[in-house]
């Protein structure tokens, strides 16, 4: 009897330990996948963005935005946000439009790869350059003269809005709004923007934990017939 109870207790401990190990392993994998999927850039400080926190993205030369006139505005089925962002421009002529009154339309920030293609010939000496159908923003500038351009630049970083900073306007509804919002690889259009790997890991660990619990329960019930 003592030997049977000892075996029973040891079996339960083994299954319990196996379940904990699986949960821990899956959780670490989920976090790792999540970090790779989002690839966000670091915090902005006085108008500068630190890309080091998200890996070596020193090849970033700027950001870009396109107007949503097709189902795939950036051309790679991705964007800085899962869907286009509505923006009202008080002075559309700043962006090459002929309208002289306020214009409301939908826009999308593009991934690093798409911007590299669209803005390959942009003028790096300006704060914004129009190249083809793209509004290109060279470098890491986050302060602009006028809210229209700041609002557009924010879309290129995966955030929205702008706020006044003295005589200039800064991306983000309030200071810090655009910190970490940029996605180097972009997010898939129509997705929730959070990826699926982490959710899959959580489901897997939960399932394994449940199996371990069921097996341990069966052992307990079976052993009770011999006591």
Protein backbone atom coordinates (compact mmCIF):
# COMPACT_ATOMS: atom_id res chain seq x y z
CA UNK A 1 0.00 0.00 0.00
CA UNK A 2 2.78 2.45 0.92
CA UNK A 3 4.61 1.61 -2.30
CA UNK A 4 1.41 2.22 -4.33
CA UNK A 5 0.78 5.57 -2.68
CA UNK A 6 4.41 6.58 -3.23
CA UNK A 7 4.14 5.68 -6.92
CA UNK A 8 0.88 7.60 -7.19
CA UNK A 9 2.34 10.71 -5.56
CA UNK A 10 5.48 10.56 -7.74
CA UNK A 11 3.39 10.24 -10.93
CA UNK A 12 1.32 13.29 -10.04
CA UNK A 13 4.48 15.33 -9.37
CA UNK A 14 5.98 14.26 -12.70
CA UNK A 15 2.89 15.24 -14.68
CA UNK A 16 2.61 18.51 -12.78
CA UNK A 17 6.26 19.36 -13.46
CA UNK A 18 5.83 18.49 -17.14
CA UNK A 19 2.87 20.84 -17.40
CA UNK A 20 4.77 23.73 -15.78
CA UNK A 21 7.76 23.20 -18.06
CA UNK A 22 5.58 23.28 -21.15
CA UNK A 23 3.87 26.45 -20.04
CA UNK A 24 7.18 28.14 -19.37
CA UNK A 25 8.68 27.06 -22.67
CA UNK A 26 5.63 28.15 -24.66
CA UNK A 27 5.45 31.49 -22.90
CA UNK A 28 9.08 32.29 -23.72
CA UNK A 29 8.51 31.32 -27.35
CA UNK A 30 5.40 33.48 -27.51
CA UNK A 31 7.22 36.53 -26.18
CA UNK A 32 10.05 36.01 -28.64
CA UNK A 33 7.68 35.67 -31.57
CA UNK A 34 5.76 38.70 -30.48
CA UNK A 35 8.91 40.82 -30.36
CA UNK A 36 9.93 39.70 -33.83
CA UNK A 37 6.49 40.36 -35.29
CA UNK A 38 6.12 43.83 -33.95
CA UNK A 39 9.72 45.04 -34.44
CA UNK A 40 8.84 48.45 -33.02
CA UNK A 41 11.32 51.30 -32.84
CA UNK A 42 12.50 52.88 -29.61
CA UNK A 43 11.40 55.99 -27.75
CA UNK A 44 11.61 59.49 -29.22
CA UNK A 45 13.57 62.04 -27.25
CA UNK A 46 13.50 65.67 -28.33
CA UNK A 47 12.43 64.69 -31.81
CA UNK A 48 14.90 61.81 -32.29
CA UNK A 49 13.89 58.17 -32.52
CA UNK A 50 16.13 55.47 -31.09
CA UNK A 51 16.01 52.41 -33.35
CA UNK A 52 18.50 50.40 -31.28
CA UNK A 53 15.90 48.92 -28.93
CA UNK A 54 14.34 46.90 -31.76
CA UNK A 55 17.53 45.54 -33.31
CA UNK A 56 19.87 46.96 -35.91
CA UNK A 57 17.64 49.04 -38.15
CA UNK A 58 20.29 51.56 -39.07
CA UNK A 59 19.24 51.19 -42.72
CA UNK A 60 16.04 53.17 -42.05
CA UNK A 61 16.25 56.33 -44.12
CA UNK A 62 12.77 57.62 -43.46
CA UNK A 63 9.05 56.94 -43.42
CA UNK A 64 6.31 57.28 -45.99
CA UNK A 65 2.55 57.58 -46.42
CA UNK A 66 0.30 56.94 -49.41
CA UNK A 67 -3.32 57.80 -50.08
CA UNK A 68 -5.63 54.79 -50.02
CA UNK A 69 -6.91 54.62 -53.59
CA UNK A 70 -6.62 50.81 -53.90
CA UNK A 71 -7.04 47.77 -51.66
CA UNK A 72 -3.26 47.49 -51.33
CA UNK A 73 -1.97 51.07 -51.16
CA UNK A 74 1.65 50.24 -50.24
CA UNK A 75 1.93 47.33 -52.66
CA UNK A 76 3.04 44.65 -50.19
CA UNK A 77 -0.30 43.85 -48.48
CA UNK A 78 1.03 45.59 -45.36
CA UNK A 79 0.95 48.95 -43.65
CA UNK A 80 1.82 50.67 -40.40
CA UNK A 81 -1.77 50.02 -39.31
CA UNK A 82 -4.17 47.19 -40.28
CA UNK A 83 -6.38 49.67 -42.13
CA UNK A 84 -6.22 53.13 -43.63
CA UNK A 85 -6.48 56.20 -41.42
CA UNK A 86 -8.88 59.06 -42.11
CA UNK A 87 -7.15 62.43 -42.22
CA UNK A 88 -8.48 65.94 -42.86
CA UNK A 89 -5.95 68.25 -44.48
CA UNK A 90 -6.63 71.93 -43.93
CA UNK A 91 -4.20 72.86 -46.71
CA UNK A 92 -4.16 70.06 -49.32
CA UNK A 93 -1.81 72.05 -51.57
CA UNK A 94 1.05 71.18 -49.22
CA UNK A 95 0.74 67.63 -50.51
CA UNK A 96 0.39 68.45 -54.20
CA UNK A 97 -3.40 68.44 -54.33
CA UNK A 98 -5.22 71.05 -56.37
CA UNK A 99 -7.96 71.54 -53.80
CA UNK A 100 -7.67 74.83 -51.94
CA UNK A 101 -10.17 73.91 -49.25
CA UNK A 102 -10.04 71.21 -46.59
CA UNK A 103 -9.73 67.69 -47.97
CA UNK A 104 -10.63 64.50 -46.09
CA UNK A 105 -9.25 61.20 -47.32
CA UNK A 106 -7.76 57.92 -46.10
CA UNK A 107 -4.02 57.35 -45.81
CA UNK A 108 -1.68 54.53 -44.85
CA UNK A 109 1.87 54.43 -43.55
CA UNK A 110 4.00 51.81 -45.30
CA UNK A 111 6.57 49.27 -44.16
CA UNK A 112 10.30 49.94 -44.33
CA UNK A 113 10.66 47.88 -47.51
CA UNK A 114 7.79 49.58 -49.31
CA UNK A 115 9.05 53.04 -48.34
CA UNK A 116 12.54 52.13 -49.52
CA UNK A 117 11.11 51.46 -52.96
CA UNK A 118 8.67 54.36 -53.13
CA UNK A 119 11.06 56.95 -51.71
CA UNK A 120 14.31 55.81 -53.32
CA UNK A 121 14.79 59.18 -55.03
CA UNK A 122 13.48 61.45 -52.26
CA UNK A 123 15.27 64.68 -51.40
CA UNK A 124 16.86 64.05 -48.01
CA UNK A 125 17.42 67.76 -47.40
CA UNK A 126 13.69 68.41 -46.92
CA UNK A 127 11.36 67.44 -44.10
CA UNK A 128 8.87 66.00 -46.57
CA UNK A 129 9.22 65.14 -50.23
CA UNK A 130 6.52 63.99 -52.64
CA UNK A 131 7.76 61.13 -54.81
CA UNK A 132 5.16 59.65 -57.14
CA UNK A 133 2.17 58.71 -54.98
CA UNK A 134 4.14 58.75 -51.72
CA UNK A 135 4.69 61.42 -49.10
CA UNK A 136 8.24 60.70 -47.95
CA UNK A 137 9.72 61.84 -44.63
CA UNK A 138 13.53 61.58 -44.60
CA UNK A 139 15.32 60.69 -41.38
CA UNK A 140 13.82 60.69 -37.90
CA UNK A 141 12.30 64.19 -37.88
CA UNK A 142 9.22 64.44 -35.68
CA UNK A 143 8.79 68.23 -35.51
CA UNK A 144 7.18 70.11 -38.38
CA UNK A 145 5.86 73.51 -39.33
CA UNK A 146 2.10 72.98 -39.37
CA UNK A 147 -0.23 70.30 -38.07
CA UNK A 148 -1.10 68.93 -41.53
CA UNK A 149 2.42 67.67 -42.16
CA UNK A 150 2.83 66.48 -38.57
CA UNK A 151 -0.45 64.54 -38.83
CA UNK A 152 0.71 62.92 -42.06
CA UNK A 153 4.11 62.07 -40.59
CA UNK A 154 2.38 60.43 -37.63
CA UNK A 155 0.50 58.10 -39.98
CA UNK A 156 3.87 57.08 -41.43
CA UNK A 157 5.00 56.04 -37.95
CA UNK A 158 1.90 54.00 -37.17
CA UNK A 159 0.26 56.54 -34.87
CA UNK A 160 -2.00 59.54 -35.36
CA UNK A 161 -2.54 63.18 -34.49
CA UNK A 162 -0.17 65.97 -33.54
CA UNK A 163 0.33 68.52 -30.80
CA UNK A 164 1.86 71.99 -30.62
CA UNK A 165 5.43 72.43 -29.41
CA UNK A 166 6.08 76.15 -29.44
CA UNK A 167 5.92 77.37 -33.03
CA UNK A 168 6.02 73.82 -34.40
CA UNK A 169 3.90 70.69 -34.31
CA UNK A 170 5.04 67.26 -33.16
CA UNK A 171 3.71 63.84 -34.20
CA UNK A 172 1.24 62.23 -31.78
CA UNK A 173 -1.84 63.59 -30.06
CA UNK A 174 0.25 64.11 -26.91
CA UNK A 175 3.96 63.82 -26.25
CA UNK A 176 5.03 60.19 -26.43
CA UNK A 177 2.01 58.96 -28.39
CA UNK A 178 4.19 57.71 -31.23
CA UNK A 179 6.85 56.10 -29.05
CA UNK A 180 7.24 52.50 -30.19
CA UNK A 181 4.39 52.74 -32.70
CA UNK A 182 6.49 52.14 -35.83
CA UNK A 183 6.56 48.63 -37.29
CA UNK A 184 9.67 47.97 -39.36
CA UNK A 185 8.06 45.10 -41.29
CA UNK A 186 4.53 46.54 -41.14
CA UNK A 187 1.39 44.66 -40.17
CA UNK A 188 -0.84 42.69 -42.51
CA UNK A 189 -3.79 44.68 -43.82
CA UNK A 190 -7.07 43.50 -42.32
CA UNK A 191 -5.37 41.81 -39.35
CA UNK A 192 -5.71 42.81 -35.70
CA UNK A 193 -2.18 44.14 -35.81
CA UNK A 194 -1.00 41.96 -32.92
CA UNK A 195 0.11 38.78 -34.70
CA UNK A 196 -1.00 35.23 -33.97
CA UNK A 197 2.07 33.43 -32.61
CA UNK A 198 1.59 34.52 -29.02
CA UNK A 199 -2.04 33.46 -28.97
CA UNK A 200 -1.11 30.10 -30.44
CA UNK A 201 1.48 29.55 -27.72
CA UNK A 202 -0.98 30.36 -24.98
CA UNK A 203 -3.52 27.92 -26.44
CA UNK A 204 -0.88 25.22 -26.73
CA UNK A 205 0.35 25.59 -23.15
CA UNK A 206 -3.21 25.61 -21.83
CA UNK A 207 -4.01 22.44 -23.78
CA UNK A 208 -0.92 20.61 -22.52
CA UNK A 209 -1.67 21.65 -18.96
CA UNK A 210 -5.20 20.28 -19.29
CA UNK A 211 -3.93 16.94 -20.63
CA UNK A 212 -1.54 16.58 -17.70
CA UNK A 213 -4.33 17.31 -15.24
CA UNK A 214 -6.64 14.73 -16.86
CA UNK A 215 -3.96 12.03 -16.79
CA UNK A 216 -3.17 12.72 -13.15
CA UNK A 217 -6.88 12.58 -12.32
CA UNK A 218 -7.20 9.17 -14.01
CA UNK A 219 -4.31 7.87 -11.94
CA UNK A 220 -5.97 9.08 -8.73
CA UNK A 221 -9.31 7.47 -9.60
CA UNK A 222 -7.67 4.18 -10.61
CA UNK A 223 -5.55 4.03 -7.46
CA UNK A 224 -8.60 4.61 -5.28
CA UNK A 225 -9.90 1.15 -6.22
CA UNK A 226 -6.83 -0.45 -4.65
CA UNK A 227 -6.92 1.48 -1.36
